[in-house]
Amino acid sequence: MKQTRKKGNGRLQKAHIRLQVNGEQVEVAFAPHKTLLEVLREDLGLTGTKHGCELGECGCCAVLVDGKPVLSCLALGLAVEGHEVTTVEGMAQGTELHPLQQTFAELGAAQCGYCTPGILLTAKVLIEKVPRPSRDEIKEALAGNLCRCTGYIKIYEAVELAAARMAGEPGEPAKESIYGWE
């Protein structure tokens, strides 16, 4: 980390770090007290990552750091120097949506969409570890991601369908009603 410009009282005003964001090397300067969430949104212009509770309780700010979900509201920007960060903007390949993004759109798994970026990235890690997760594995993996709109069923179905497609299967999501019987 390169430090620059000290204020008159000797406190550090800006920190410069290098990291990889969505597959590209970047250098960014920011106030050293900023969270990763603030650096991504305010300094790098990646607004797909959302401000939620800012207490680490809702999961809507989840990003991947070296392939693992991290709540960006709880991580300092300085902590990611030299690491690889993936945001929701980094999921698509050019104009082609990631299968999770595609199934969320197809099945209406996002209503207001505020929680969706964190859920998509968390589900991506799950499918990479467990290519065909069960409904219970999906529920457990997404337990830290809160959604106030959908009731979760469409989200689970979208993850199931994306996993099937990524495994090369035609797959259909499991049928389940919001009451658990159908």
Protein backbone atom coordinates (compact mmCIF):
# COMPACT_ATOMS: atom_id res chain seq x y z
CA MET A 1 0.00 0.00 0.00
CA LYS A 2 1.26 3.39 -0.93
CA GLN A 3 0.26 6.19 1.38
CA THR A 4 -0.05 9.75 0.16
CA ARG A 5 -1.01 13.22 1.30
CA LYS A 6 -1.05 13.66 5.02
CA LYS A 7 -3.25 16.30 6.52
CA GLY A 8 -1.74 19.04 8.64
CA ASN A 9 -2.30 16.97 11.78
CA GLY A 10 -0.33 14.03 10.33
CA ARG A 11 -3.30 11.75 9.67
CA LEU A 12 -3.37 9.78 6.43
CA GLN A 13 -5.82 11.20 3.92
CA LYS A 14 -5.53 8.71 1.05
CA ALA A 15 -4.36 5.14 0.62
CA HIS A 16 -3.46 3.60 -2.75
CA ILE A 17 -3.90 -0.11 -3.31
CA ARG A 18 -3.75 -2.50 -6.23
CA LEU A 19 -6.13 -5.39 -6.61
CA GLN A 20 -7.97 -7.36 -9.24
CA VAL A 21 -11.65 -6.50 -9.70
CA ASN A 22 -13.80 -8.58 -12.03
CA GLY A 23 -10.72 -9.91 -13.79
CA GLU A 24 -8.98 -6.56 -14.30
CA GLN A 25 -6.02 -5.12 -12.39
CA VAL A 26 -6.96 -1.78 -10.82
CA GLU A 27 -5.32 0.80 -8.63
CA VAL A 28 -7.54 2.87 -6.43
CA ALA A 29 -7.00 5.74 -3.97
CA PHE A 30 -9.41 6.25 -1.08
CA ALA A 31 -9.68 7.33 2.54
CA PRO A 32 -8.22 4.49 4.62
CA HIS A 33 -11.31 4.20 6.84
CA LYS A 34 -13.57 3.21 3.92
CA THR A 35 -15.16 -0.22 3.77
CA LEU A 36 -14.79 -2.41 0.72
CA LEU A 37 -18.45 -1.66 -0.03
CA GLU A 38 -17.73 2.07 -0.14
CA VAL A 39 -14.59 1.63 -2.25
CA LEU A 40 -16.46 -0.51 -4.78
CA ARG A 41 -19.43 1.83 -5.08
CA GLU A 42 -17.90 5.27 -4.56
CA ASP A 43 -14.36 4.94 -5.88
CA LEU A 44 -14.72 2.24 -8.55
CA GLY A 45 -18.29 3.02 -9.66
CA LEU A 46 -19.47 -0.60 -9.21
CA THR A 47 -22.94 0.07 -7.86
CA GLY A 48 -24.29 -3.47 -8.26
CA THR A 49 -23.09 -4.20 -4.72
CA LYS A 50 -25.77 -2.78 -2.43
CA HIS A 51 -25.79 -0.94 0.89
CA GLY A 52 -28.11 -2.84 3.17
CA CYS A 53 -27.96 -3.04 6.92
CA GLU A 54 -24.23 -2.18 7.05
CA LEU A 55 -24.06 -4.50 10.06
CA GLY A 56 -23.29 -7.75 8.25
CA GLU A 57 -26.76 -9.16 8.85
CA CYS A 58 -28.54 -8.99 5.46
CA GLY A 59 -26.01 -10.23 2.88
CA CYS A 60 -26.95 -7.81 0.11
CA CYS A 61 -23.39 -6.42 0.06
CA ALA A 62 -21.78 -9.84 -0.47
CA VAL A 63 -18.94 -9.98 -2.98
CA LEU A 64 -16.34 -12.64 -3.63
CA VAL A 65 -12.80 -12.14 -2.38
CA ASP A 66 -10.49 -14.79 -3.77
CA GLY A 67 -13.60 -16.81 -4.62
CA LYS A 68 -15.16 -16.71 -1.14
CA PRO A 69 -18.23 -14.70 -0.11
CA VAL A 70 -17.37 -11.67 2.01
CA LEU A 71 -19.70 -9.07 3.44
CA SER A 72 -18.19 -5.94 1.95
CA CYS A 73 -19.78 -3.68 4.56
CA LEU A 74 -17.61 -5.34 7.23
CA ALA A 75 -14.30 -5.48 5.33
CA LEU A 76 -11.96 -2.53 5.07
CA GLY A 77 -10.93 -1.59 1.56
CA LEU A 78 -7.31 -1.81 2.68
CA ALA A 79 -7.79 -5.50 3.47
CA VAL A 80 -8.22 -6.48 -0.19
CA GLU A 81 -4.92 -5.15 -1.47
CA GLY A 82 -3.45 -7.75 -3.81
CA HIS A 83 -6.61 -9.87 -3.74
CA GLU A 84 -9.18 -10.75 -6.38
CA VAL A 85 -12.64 -9.24 -5.91
CA THR A 86 -15.68 -10.29 -7.93
CA THR A 87 -18.86 -8.24 -7.90
CA VAL A 88 -22.17 -8.96 -9.61
CA GLU A 89 -20.92 -6.92 -12.56
CA GLY A 90 -18.22 -9.56 -13.06
CA MET A 91 -20.59 -12.53 -13.38
CA ALA A 92 -21.60 -12.05 -17.01
CA GLN A 93 -19.22 -12.92 -19.85
CA GLY A 94 -19.48 -9.93 -22.16
CA THR A 95 -23.13 -9.66 -23.11
CA GLU A 96 -23.91 -13.24 -22.04
CA LEU A 97 -25.50 -13.49 -18.62
CA HIS A 98 -24.25 -16.04 -16.12
CA PRO A 99 -26.70 -18.99 -15.90
CA LEU A 100 -27.76 -17.81 -12.43
CA GLN A 101 -28.56 -14.33 -13.74
CA GLN A 102 -30.48 -15.89 -16.62
CA THR A 103 -32.59 -18.19 -14.44
CA PHE A 104 -33.31 -15.42 -11.92
CA ALA A 105 -34.68 -13.33 -14.79
CA GLU A 106 -36.62 -16.23 -16.35
CA LEU A 107 -38.27 -17.36 -13.12
CA GLY A 108 -38.90 -13.94 -11.60
CA ALA A 109 -36.66 -14.72 -8.65
CA ALA A 110 -35.92 -11.04 -8.10
CA GLN A 111 -38.69 -8.62 -7.30
CA CYS A 112 -37.19 -5.38 -6.04
CA GLY A 113 -33.75 -6.84 -6.81
CA TYR A 114 -31.93 -5.21 -3.91
CA CYS A 115 -30.78 -8.50 -2.36
CA THR A 116 -30.11 -10.18 -5.70
CA PRO A 117 -26.41 -9.33 -6.21
CA GLY A 118 -25.40 -10.88 -2.89
CA ILE A 119 -27.60 -13.92 -3.47
CA LEU A 120 -26.25 -14.47 -7.00
CA LEU A 121 -22.62 -14.39 -5.86
CA THR A 122 -23.28 -16.63 -2.86
CA ALA A 123 -25.17 -19.12 -5.06
CA LYS A 124 -22.33 -19.05 -7.59
CA VAL A 125 -19.89 -20.24 -4.93
CA LEU A 126 -22.32 -22.96 -3.83
CA ILE A 127 -22.69 -24.34 -7.36
CA GLU A 128 -18.93 -24.27 -7.86
CA LYS A 129 -18.50 -26.40 -4.70
CA VAL A 130 -21.62 -28.56 -5.10
CA PRO A 131 -22.59 -28.73 -8.78
CA ARG A 132 -26.09 -30.12 -8.08
CA PRO A 133 -27.05 -28.85 -4.64
CA SER A 134 -30.15 -30.10 -2.87
CA ARG A 135 -32.85 -27.68 -1.77
CA ASP A 136 -31.55 -27.95 1.79
CA GLU A 137 -27.99 -27.15 0.67
CA ILE A 138 -29.28 -24.11 -1.20
CA LYS A 139 -31.25 -22.95 1.84
CA GLU A 140 -28.21 -23.36 4.07
CA ALA A 141 -25.85 -21.57 1.66
CA LEU A 142 -28.24 -18.62 1.27
CA ALA A 143 -29.22 -18.40 4.95
CA GLY A 144 -27.18 -15.21 5.38
CA ASN A 145 -28.90 -13.47 2.46
CA LEU A 146 -32.19 -11.87 3.42
CA CYS A 147 -34.95 -11.12 0.93
CA ARG A 148 -38.05 -9.21 1.95
CA CYS A 149 -40.00 -9.63 -1.30
CA THR A 150 -39.99 -13.11 -2.80
CA GLY A 151 -40.53 -15.64 -0.05
CA TYR A 152 -37.42 -17.50 -1.33
CA ILE A 153 -39.13 -20.26 -3.34
CA LYS A 154 -38.44 -18.65 -6.72
CA ILE A 155 -34.85 -17.98 -5.61
CA TYR A 156 -34.33 -21.65 -4.71
CA GLU A 157 -35.90 -22.75 -7.99
CA ALA A 158 -33.68 -20.39 -9.99
CA VAL A 159 -30.55 -21.76 -8.28
CA GLU A 160 -31.71 -25.33 -8.97
CA LEU A 161 -32.38 -24.59 -12.63
CA ALA A 162 -29.04 -22.80 -13.09
CA ALA A 163 -27.20 -25.71 -11.44
CA ALA A 164 -28.92 -28.18 -13.78
CA ARG A 165 -28.07 -26.13 -16.85
CA MET A 166 -24.47 -25.66 -15.73
CA ALA A 167 -24.24 -29.44 -15.30
CA GLY A 168 -25.44 -29.87 -18.88
CA GLU A 169 -28.87 -31.17 -17.88
CA PRO A 170 -32.19 -29.80 -19.08
CA GLY A 171 -33.35 -29.74 -15.42
CA GLU A 172 -36.46 -28.24 -13.99
CA PRO A 173 -36.66 -26.66 -10.58
CA ALA A 174 -38.26 -28.70 -7.81
CA LYS A 175 -41.93 -27.92 -7.37
CA GLU A 176 -42.72 -26.60 -3.95
CA SER A 177 -45.38 -24.21 -2.79
CA ILE A 178 -44.82 -21.51 -0.23
CA TYR A 179 -46.56 -23.84 2.23
CA GLY A 180 -44.18 -26.75 1.54
CA TRP A 181 -46.82 -29.05 -0.03
CA GLU A 182 -48.10 -29.38 -3.51
